[in-house]
């Protein structure tokens, strides 16, 4: 379930415009790193 949510997040991010992508790029990296470390704050806040 969590993997499906993460996959959807990636798909949503890829659908953004270039300006939106640049704006959230650093935040996306933080989410990805947190997910890889098992923290995944996006899904548990």
C-alpha atoms as a PDB file:
ATOM      1  CA  UNK A   1       0.000   0.000   0.000  1.00  0.00           C
ATOM      2  CA  UNK A   2       2.732   2.421   0.953  1.00  0.00           C
ATOM      3  CA  UNK A   3       4.680   1.584  -2.195  1.00  0.00           C
ATOM      4  CA  UNK A   4       1.581   2.265  -4.284  1.00  0.00           C
ATOM      5  CA  UNK A   5       1.188   5.685  -2.643  1.00  0.00           C
ATOM      6  CA  UNK A   6       4.850   6.463  -3.249  1.00  0.00           C
ATOM      7  CA  UNK A   7       4.540   5.382  -6.891  1.00  0.00           C
ATOM      8  CA  UNK A   8       1.505   7.650  -7.286  1.00  0.00           C
ATOM      9  CA  UNK A   9       3.467  10.521  -5.739  1.00  0.00           C
ATOM     10  CA  UNK A  10       6.237  10.052  -8.301  1.00  0.00           C
ATOM     11  CA  UNK A  11       3.702   9.922 -11.136  1.00  0.00           C
ATOM     12  CA  UNK A  12       2.055  13.113  -9.875  1.00  0.00           C
ATOM     13  CA  UNK A  13       5.404  14.867  -9.626  1.00  0.00           C
ATOM     14  CA  UNK A  14       6.334  13.838 -13.156  1.00  0.00           C
ATOM     15  CA  UNK A  15       3.098  15.373 -14.461  1.00  0.00           C
ATOM     16  CA  UNK A  16       3.898  18.824 -13.105  1.00  0.00           C
ATOM     17  CA  UNK A  17       5.105  21.685 -15.253  1.00  0.00           C
ATOM     18  CA  UNK A  18       8.798  22.565 -15.336  1.00  0.00           C
ATOM     19  CA  UNK A  19       8.363  25.572 -13.032  1.00  0.00           C
ATOM     20  CA  UNK A  20       6.426  23.516 -10.489  1.00  0.00           C
ATOM     21  CA  UNK A  21       9.005  20.737 -10.698  1.00  0.00           C
ATOM     22  CA  UNK A  22      11.866  23.147  -9.988  1.00  0.00           C
ATOM     23  CA  UNK A  23       9.972  24.571  -7.026  1.00  0.00           C
ATOM     24  CA  UNK A  24       9.423  21.226  -5.305  1.00  0.00           C
ATOM     25  CA  UNK A  25      12.573  19.440  -6.473  1.00  0.00           C
ATOM     26  CA  UNK A  26      14.433  19.814  -3.180  1.00  0.00           C
ATOM     27  CA  UNK A  27      11.351  18.818  -1.174  1.00  0.00           C
ATOM     28  CA  UNK A  28      10.895  15.744  -3.366  1.00  0.00           C
ATOM     29  CA  UNK A  29      14.481  14.692  -2.669  1.00  0.00           C
ATOM     30  CA  UNK A  30      13.844  14.988   1.071  1.00  0.00           C
ATOM     31  CA  UNK A  31      10.721  12.831   0.788  1.00  0.00           C
ATOM     32  CA  UNK A  32      12.548  10.213  -1.278  1.00  0.00           C
ATOM     33  CA  UNK A  33      15.433  10.067   1.212  1.00  0.00           C
ATOM     34  CA  UNK A  34      13.021   9.805   4.134  1.00  0.00           C
ATOM     35  CA  UNK A  35      11.126   7.042   2.361  1.00  0.00           C
ATOM     36  CA  UNK A  36      14.329   5.121   1.744  1.00  0.00           C
ATOM     37  CA  UNK A  37      15.222   5.442   5.415  1.00  0.00           C
ATOM     38  CA  UNK A  38      11.824   4.118   6.452  1.00  0.00           C
ATOM     39  CA  UNK A  39      10.634   7.409   7.901  1.00  0.00           C
ATOM     40  CA  UNK A  40       8.180   8.479   5.200  1.00  0.00           C
ATOM     41  CA  UNK A  41       6.745  11.540   7.030  1.00  0.00           C
ATOM     42  CA  UNK A  42       4.449  12.296   4.091  1.00  0.00           C
ATOM     43  CA  UNK A  43       2.215   9.328   4.871  1.00  0.00           C
ATOM     44  CA  UNK A  44       2.219   9.444   8.660  1.00  0.00           C
ATOM     45  CA  UNK A  45       1.665  13.096   9.562  1.00  0.00           C
END
